[in-house]
N, C-alpha and C. Protein backbone atom coordinates (compact mmCIF):
# COMPACT_ATOMS: atom_id res chain seq x y z
N MET A 1 101.13 139.66 107.09
CA MET A 1 101.52 140.27 108.36
C MET A 1 103.00 139.95 108.58
N ASN A 2 103.81 140.97 108.84
CA ASN A 2 105.21 140.70 109.10
C ASN A 2 105.42 140.39 110.58
N GLU A 3 106.57 139.80 110.89
CA GLU A 3 106.86 139.34 112.25
C GLU A 3 106.79 140.45 113.29
N SER A 4 107.19 141.66 112.92
CA SER A 4 107.20 142.74 113.90
C SER A 4 105.79 143.20 114.26
N SER A 5 104.78 142.89 113.42
CA SER A 5 103.42 143.32 113.71
C SER A 5 102.62 142.27 114.50
N VAL A 6 103.21 141.09 114.75
CA VAL A 6 102.52 140.06 115.52
C VAL A 6 102.54 140.47 116.99
N ASN A 7 101.38 140.44 117.63
CA ASN A 7 101.29 140.78 119.04
C ASN A 7 101.56 139.52 119.87
N TRP A 8 102.82 139.26 120.13
CA TRP A 8 103.21 138.04 120.86
C TRP A 8 102.71 138.06 122.29
N GLY A 9 102.41 139.21 122.84
CA GLY A 9 101.89 139.29 124.20
C GLY A 9 100.51 138.67 124.35
N ARG A 10 99.82 138.48 123.25
CA ARG A 10 98.48 137.89 123.28
C ARG A 10 98.44 136.48 122.68
N ARG A 11 99.59 135.95 122.35
CA ARG A 11 99.66 134.63 121.73
C ARG A 11 99.78 133.54 122.79
N THR A 12 99.20 132.38 122.48
CA THR A 12 99.38 131.19 123.33
C THR A 12 100.09 130.14 122.50
N ALA A 13 100.63 129.14 123.17
CA ALA A 13 101.31 128.05 122.47
C ALA A 13 100.32 127.30 121.60
N PRO A 14 100.75 126.85 120.43
CA PRO A 14 99.86 126.06 119.60
C PRO A 14 99.34 124.83 120.37
N SER A 15 98.04 124.59 120.24
CA SER A 15 97.38 123.48 120.94
C SER A 15 97.55 122.18 120.17
N LEU A 16 97.05 121.10 120.78
CA LEU A 16 97.03 119.81 120.08
C LEU A 16 96.25 119.95 118.78
N ALA A 17 95.12 120.65 118.83
CA ALA A 17 94.30 120.85 117.63
C ALA A 17 95.04 121.67 116.58
N ASP A 18 95.83 122.64 117.01
CA ASP A 18 96.62 123.45 116.06
C ASP A 18 97.66 122.58 115.34
N ILE A 19 98.34 121.72 116.09
CA ILE A 19 99.35 120.84 115.49
C ILE A 19 98.66 119.84 114.57
N GLU A 20 97.50 119.34 115.00
CA GLU A 20 96.73 118.42 114.16
C GLU A 20 96.33 119.10 112.85
N ALA A 21 95.93 120.35 112.90
CA ALA A 21 95.57 121.09 111.69
C ALA A 21 96.78 121.27 110.78
N LEU A 22 97.95 121.56 111.37
CA LEU A 22 99.18 121.67 110.57
C LEU A 22 99.52 120.33 109.91
N ALA A 23 99.36 119.24 110.66
CA ALA A 23 99.64 117.90 110.12
C ALA A 23 98.67 117.57 108.98
N ASP A 24 97.41 117.93 109.15
CA ASP A 24 96.41 117.67 108.12
C ASP A 24 96.75 118.46 106.86
N ALA A 25 97.10 119.72 107.02
CA ALA A 25 97.48 120.55 105.87
C ALA A 25 98.74 120.01 105.21
N ALA A 26 99.70 119.56 106.02
CA ALA A 26 100.94 119.00 105.47
C ALA A 26 100.63 117.75 104.66
N PHE A 27 99.78 116.88 105.20
CA PHE A 27 99.44 115.64 104.51
C PHE A 27 98.76 115.94 103.18
N LYS A 28 97.86 116.91 103.17
CA LYS A 28 97.15 117.27 101.94
C LYS A 28 98.08 117.85 100.88
N ALA A 29 99.21 118.41 101.30
CA ALA A 29 100.16 119.01 100.35
C ALA A 29 101.17 118.00 99.82
N LEU A 30 101.19 116.79 100.37
CA LEU A 30 102.15 115.78 99.93
C LEU A 30 101.80 115.27 98.54
N PRO A 31 102.83 114.86 97.78
CA PRO A 31 102.56 114.32 96.44
C PRO A 31 101.71 113.04 96.52
N GLU A 32 100.87 112.84 95.51
CA GLU A 32 99.96 111.70 95.51
C GLU A 32 100.70 110.37 95.58
N ARG A 33 101.85 110.25 94.93
CA ARG A 33 102.58 108.98 94.96
C ARG A 33 102.98 108.60 96.39
N PHE A 34 103.14 109.59 97.25
CA PHE A 34 103.46 109.33 98.65
C PHE A 34 102.20 109.03 99.45
N THR A 35 101.16 109.81 99.25
CA THR A 35 99.95 109.61 100.04
C THR A 35 99.28 108.28 99.73
N ARG A 36 99.49 107.74 98.52
CA ARG A 36 98.96 106.41 98.21
C ARG A 36 99.54 105.35 99.13
N LEU A 37 100.80 105.52 99.52
CA LEU A 37 101.44 104.58 100.47
C LEU A 37 100.79 104.65 101.84
N CYS A 38 100.14 105.76 102.12
CA CYS A 38 99.64 106.05 103.46
C CYS A 38 98.18 105.69 103.67
N GLU A 39 97.59 104.97 102.74
CA GLU A 39 96.18 104.64 102.87
C GLU A 39 95.93 103.96 104.22
N GLY A 40 95.01 104.52 104.97
CA GLY A 40 94.65 103.95 106.26
C GLY A 40 95.52 104.39 107.42
N VAL A 41 96.58 105.16 107.17
CA VAL A 41 97.43 105.63 108.27
C VAL A 41 96.67 106.68 109.07
N VAL A 42 96.68 106.52 110.38
CA VAL A 42 96.03 107.46 111.29
C VAL A 42 97.10 108.34 111.91
N VAL A 43 96.88 109.65 111.92
CA VAL A 43 97.81 110.58 112.54
C VAL A 43 97.20 111.05 113.85
N ARG A 44 97.96 110.90 114.94
CA ARG A 44 97.52 111.34 116.26
C ARG A 44 98.53 112.33 116.81
N VAL A 45 98.03 113.31 117.53
CA VAL A 45 98.90 114.29 118.18
C VAL A 45 98.68 114.18 119.69
N GLU A 46 99.76 114.03 120.40
CA GLU A 46 99.75 113.99 121.86
C GLU A 46 100.80 114.96 122.36
N ASP A 47 100.69 115.35 123.63
CA ASP A 47 101.71 116.24 124.18
C ASP A 47 103.07 115.56 124.26
N PHE A 48 103.10 114.34 124.78
CA PHE A 48 104.34 113.59 124.96
C PHE A 48 104.10 112.11 124.67
N PRO A 49 105.16 111.36 124.37
CA PRO A 49 105.01 109.91 124.27
C PRO A 49 104.67 109.33 125.65
N ASP A 50 103.99 108.17 125.65
CA ASP A 50 103.69 107.51 126.92
C ASP A 50 104.95 106.82 127.47
N GLU A 51 104.88 106.38 128.70
CA GLU A 51 106.05 105.76 129.37
C GLU A 51 106.53 104.52 128.62
N GLU A 52 105.61 103.71 128.13
CA GLU A 52 105.98 102.50 127.39
C GLU A 52 106.82 102.85 126.16
N THR A 53 106.38 103.88 125.43
CA THR A 53 107.12 104.32 124.25
C THR A 53 108.47 104.88 124.64
N MET A 54 108.49 105.69 125.70
CA MET A 54 109.76 106.27 126.17
C MET A 54 110.76 105.16 126.49
N ASP A 55 110.30 104.13 127.18
CA ASP A 55 111.18 103.01 127.53
C ASP A 55 111.63 102.25 126.30
N ALA A 56 110.69 101.94 125.41
CA ALA A 56 111.00 101.17 124.21
C ALA A 56 111.99 101.90 123.30
N MET A 57 111.91 103.21 123.26
CA MET A 57 112.79 104.00 122.41
C MET A 57 114.05 104.49 123.13
N ALA A 58 114.20 104.08 124.39
CA ALA A 58 115.35 104.45 125.21
C ALA A 58 115.55 105.97 125.28
N CYS A 59 114.45 106.68 125.45
CA CYS A 59 114.51 108.14 125.55
C CYS A 59 115.03 108.54 126.93
N GLU A 60 115.89 109.53 126.94
CA GLU A 60 116.43 110.02 128.20
C GLU A 60 115.52 111.09 128.81
N THR A 61 114.82 111.86 127.95
CA THR A 61 113.92 112.89 128.45
C THR A 61 112.61 112.83 127.67
N ASP A 62 111.60 113.52 128.18
CA ASP A 62 110.31 113.59 127.50
C ASP A 62 110.39 114.29 126.15
N PHE A 63 111.47 115.00 125.90
CA PHE A 63 111.60 115.81 124.70
C PHE A 63 112.45 115.16 123.60
N ASP A 64 112.87 113.91 123.80
CA ASP A 64 113.75 113.25 122.84
C ASP A 64 113.07 112.82 121.55
N LEU A 65 111.76 112.60 121.59
CA LEU A 65 111.05 112.01 120.46
C LEU A 65 110.03 113.01 119.90
N LEU A 66 110.19 113.38 118.63
CA LEU A 66 109.25 114.31 117.99
C LEU A 66 108.05 113.58 117.40
N GLY A 67 108.26 112.35 116.97
CA GLY A 67 107.20 111.58 116.36
C GLY A 67 107.57 110.11 116.31
N LEU A 68 106.59 109.28 115.97
CA LEU A 68 106.81 107.85 115.92
C LEU A 68 105.78 107.19 115.01
N PHE A 69 106.23 106.22 114.22
CA PHE A 69 105.33 105.40 113.42
C PHE A 69 105.17 104.07 114.15
N ARG A 70 103.93 103.64 114.27
CA ARG A 70 103.65 102.31 114.82
C ARG A 70 102.75 101.60 113.83
N GLY A 71 103.14 100.41 113.46
CA GLY A 71 102.33 99.63 112.56
C GLY A 71 103.18 98.76 111.69
N ARG A 72 102.62 98.41 110.57
CA ARG A 72 103.28 97.50 109.64
C ARG A 72 103.55 98.25 108.34
N GLY A 73 104.81 98.49 108.07
CA GLY A 73 105.19 99.19 106.86
C GLY A 73 105.16 98.29 105.64
N LEU A 74 105.21 98.88 104.47
CA LEU A 74 105.20 98.11 103.23
C LEU A 74 106.40 97.21 103.11
N THR A 75 107.51 97.56 103.76
CA THR A 75 108.71 96.74 103.69
C THR A 75 108.57 95.46 104.50
N GLU A 76 107.50 95.34 105.29
CA GLU A 76 107.28 94.16 106.13
C GLU A 76 106.32 93.17 105.50
N GLY A 77 106.11 93.25 104.20
CA GLY A 77 105.24 92.29 103.53
C GLY A 77 103.89 92.90 103.22
N GLU A 78 102.91 92.03 103.12
CA GLU A 78 101.56 92.47 102.76
C GLU A 78 101.09 93.59 103.67
N HIS A 79 100.42 94.55 103.09
CA HIS A 79 99.93 95.71 103.83
C HIS A 79 98.43 95.57 104.07
N LEU A 80 97.98 94.35 104.25
CA LEU A 80 96.57 94.13 104.49
C LEU A 80 96.33 94.09 105.99
N ALA A 81 95.25 94.68 106.40
CA ALA A 81 94.91 94.68 107.82
C ALA A 81 94.57 93.27 108.28
N GLU A 82 95.14 92.87 109.37
CA GLU A 82 94.80 91.59 109.96
C GLU A 82 93.69 91.80 110.97
N THR A 83 92.88 90.78 111.16
CA THR A 83 91.78 90.88 112.11
C THR A 83 92.34 91.23 113.48
N GLY A 84 91.78 92.27 114.07
CA GLY A 84 92.22 92.69 115.40
C GLY A 84 93.48 93.52 115.43
N ALA A 85 94.11 93.74 114.28
CA ALA A 85 95.35 94.53 114.24
C ALA A 85 95.03 96.01 114.37
N GLU A 86 95.89 96.72 115.06
CA GLU A 86 95.75 98.18 115.16
C GLU A 86 96.09 98.79 113.80
N PRO A 87 95.50 99.93 113.47
CA PRO A 87 95.86 100.58 112.20
C PRO A 87 97.28 101.14 112.28
N ASN A 88 97.89 101.34 111.12
CA ASN A 88 99.16 102.04 111.09
C ASN A 88 98.93 103.45 111.61
N MET A 89 99.80 103.88 112.51
CA MET A 89 99.62 105.19 113.14
C MET A 89 100.91 105.98 113.17
N VAL A 90 100.78 107.28 112.98
CA VAL A 90 101.89 108.21 113.19
C VAL A 90 101.51 109.06 114.39
N TRP A 91 102.40 109.11 115.34
CA TRP A 91 102.22 109.95 116.53
C TRP A 91 103.13 111.16 116.37
N LEU A 92 102.56 112.33 116.53
CA LEU A 92 103.34 113.58 116.58
C LEU A 92 103.25 114.08 118.01
N TYR A 93 104.38 114.44 118.59
CA TYR A 93 104.43 114.85 119.98
C TYR A 93 104.62 116.37 120.07
N ARG A 94 103.53 117.03 120.46
CA ARG A 94 103.44 118.49 120.43
C ARG A 94 104.55 119.18 121.21
N ARG A 95 104.73 118.85 122.45
CA ARG A 95 105.70 119.58 123.28
C ARG A 95 107.13 119.41 122.76
N PRO A 96 107.60 118.21 122.41
CA PRO A 96 108.94 118.13 121.83
C PRO A 96 109.05 118.88 120.50
N ILE A 97 107.99 118.86 119.69
CA ILE A 97 108.01 119.61 118.43
C ILE A 97 108.13 121.10 118.71
N LEU A 98 107.36 121.60 119.68
CA LEU A 98 107.44 123.02 120.02
C LEU A 98 108.81 123.39 120.58
N ASP A 99 109.40 122.51 121.37
CA ASP A 99 110.74 122.75 121.91
C ASP A 99 111.76 122.82 120.77
N PHE A 100 111.66 121.90 119.82
CA PHE A 100 112.55 121.90 118.67
C PHE A 100 112.36 123.18 117.85
N TRP A 101 111.11 123.58 117.66
CA TRP A 101 110.78 124.79 116.91
C TRP A 101 111.40 126.02 117.56
N ALA A 102 111.38 126.08 118.88
CA ALA A 102 111.92 127.24 119.60
C ALA A 102 113.41 127.41 119.35
N GLU A 103 114.10 126.33 119.02
CA GLU A 103 115.55 126.38 118.78
C GLU A 103 115.89 126.40 117.28
N SER A 104 114.87 126.46 116.44
CA SER A 104 115.05 126.32 115.00
C SER A 104 114.74 127.63 114.28
N GLU A 105 115.22 127.73 113.06
CA GLU A 105 114.84 128.85 112.21
C GLU A 105 113.75 128.43 111.22
N ASP A 106 113.32 127.17 111.30
CA ASP A 106 112.26 126.67 110.43
C ASP A 106 110.90 127.08 110.97
N THR A 107 109.92 127.10 110.09
CA THR A 107 108.56 127.37 110.54
C THR A 107 108.01 126.13 111.24
N LEU A 108 107.00 126.33 112.06
CA LEU A 108 106.36 125.20 112.72
C LEU A 108 105.74 124.26 111.69
N ALA A 109 105.14 124.82 110.65
CA ALA A 109 104.56 123.99 109.59
C ALA A 109 105.61 123.13 108.91
N ASP A 110 106.80 123.70 108.65
CA ASP A 110 107.88 122.92 108.03
C ASP A 110 108.34 121.79 108.93
N ILE A 111 108.42 122.04 110.22
CA ILE A 111 108.85 121.00 111.16
C ILE A 111 107.82 119.88 111.24
N VAL A 112 106.54 120.24 111.32
CA VAL A 112 105.48 119.22 111.36
C VAL A 112 105.51 118.39 110.08
N THR A 113 105.67 119.03 108.94
CA THR A 113 105.76 118.31 107.67
C THR A 113 106.95 117.36 107.69
N HIS A 114 108.09 117.85 108.14
CA HIS A 114 109.31 117.03 108.18
C HIS A 114 109.11 115.79 109.06
N VAL A 115 108.57 115.97 110.24
CA VAL A 115 108.36 114.84 111.16
C VAL A 115 107.36 113.86 110.55
N LEU A 116 106.28 114.36 110.01
CA LEU A 116 105.26 113.51 109.41
C LEU A 116 105.83 112.68 108.26
N VAL A 117 106.52 113.33 107.34
CA VAL A 117 107.11 112.63 106.19
C VAL A 117 108.13 111.60 106.65
N HIS A 118 108.97 111.96 107.60
CA HIS A 118 110.00 111.02 108.02
C HIS A 118 109.45 109.83 108.81
N GLU A 119 108.45 110.05 109.62
CA GLU A 119 107.88 108.92 110.35
C GLU A 119 107.21 107.94 109.41
N ILE A 120 106.50 108.45 108.42
CA ILE A 120 105.88 107.56 107.44
C ILE A 120 106.95 106.98 106.51
N GLY A 121 107.82 107.83 106.02
CA GLY A 121 108.79 107.43 105.01
C GLY A 121 109.76 106.34 105.43
N HIS A 122 110.33 106.45 106.61
CA HIS A 122 111.28 105.43 107.06
C HIS A 122 110.63 104.06 107.14
N HIS A 123 109.40 104.01 107.57
CA HIS A 123 108.74 102.72 107.73
C HIS A 123 108.14 102.19 106.44
N PHE A 124 108.17 102.99 105.40
CA PHE A 124 107.75 102.51 104.10
C PHE A 124 108.94 102.36 103.17
N GLY A 125 110.15 102.35 103.76
CA GLY A 125 111.35 102.03 103.00
C GLY A 125 111.90 103.13 102.13
N LEU A 126 111.54 104.38 102.39
CA LEU A 126 112.05 105.48 101.58
C LEU A 126 113.40 105.95 102.09
N SER A 127 114.24 106.38 101.17
CA SER A 127 115.54 106.91 101.55
C SER A 127 115.39 108.35 102.03
N ASP A 128 116.43 108.86 102.68
CA ASP A 128 116.41 110.27 103.10
C ASP A 128 116.27 111.19 101.89
N ALA A 129 116.92 110.84 100.78
CA ALA A 129 116.81 111.66 99.56
C ALA A 129 115.38 111.67 99.05
N ASP A 130 114.71 110.50 99.08
CA ASP A 130 113.31 110.43 98.67
C ASP A 130 112.45 111.35 99.53
N MET A 131 112.68 111.29 100.84
CA MET A 131 111.87 112.09 101.75
C MET A 131 112.13 113.58 101.58
N GLU A 132 113.38 113.95 101.33
CA GLU A 132 113.69 115.37 101.09
C GLU A 132 112.96 115.86 99.84
N GLU A 133 112.90 115.03 98.81
CA GLU A 133 112.19 115.40 97.58
C GLU A 133 110.69 115.54 97.85
N ILE A 134 110.12 114.66 98.64
CA ILE A 134 108.70 114.74 98.99
C ILE A 134 108.43 116.04 99.75
N GLU A 135 109.29 116.38 100.70
CA GLU A 135 109.12 117.64 101.45
C GLU A 135 109.23 118.84 100.52
N ARG A 136 110.17 118.78 99.58
CA ARG A 136 110.35 119.89 98.62
C ARG A 136 109.09 120.06 97.77
N GLN A 137 108.54 118.95 97.28
CA GLN A 137 107.33 119.02 96.48
C GLN A 137 106.15 119.54 97.29
N ALA A 138 106.07 119.14 98.55
CA ALA A 138 104.98 119.61 99.41
C ALA A 138 105.08 121.12 99.63
N SER A 139 106.31 121.63 99.81
CA SER A 139 106.47 123.06 100.06
C SER A 139 106.13 123.88 98.82
N GLU A 140 106.30 123.30 97.63
CA GLU A 140 105.94 123.99 96.39
C GLU A 140 104.42 124.08 96.22
N ARG A 141 103.68 123.17 96.85
CA ARG A 141 102.22 123.16 96.72
C ARG A 141 101.55 124.12 97.71
N ASP A 142 102.30 124.57 98.72
CA ASP A 142 101.72 125.49 99.73
C ASP A 142 101.26 126.78 99.11
């Protein structure tokens, strides 16, 4: 279907479940060497970060943060779960992602993949070049 044939008058904004489905598809398309690093990582989608996160990240607006990794990365030593420790989590923030998408020429799927890879990648010690290569490999698998 080409863009001119899409009936935008009947479209609604992608829901939390829609973004979650895009994140799941993005994760499944990532190279195995990357997904092995992600064992046990939980991906959550929310509309916006909570106030605590906004304060901790010094955000000026609700739209400043597209995603966030919380947990213990491989660069922080042993990656074994401690008793009572929260799992490693990636938060994707739907409304800021949609706002970014509205100003971008990238597809929503590409943006979700980018945010997902970067939130995981930075906390597992990957360079920007490494993450760009992972995104490139993921796009080839689509």
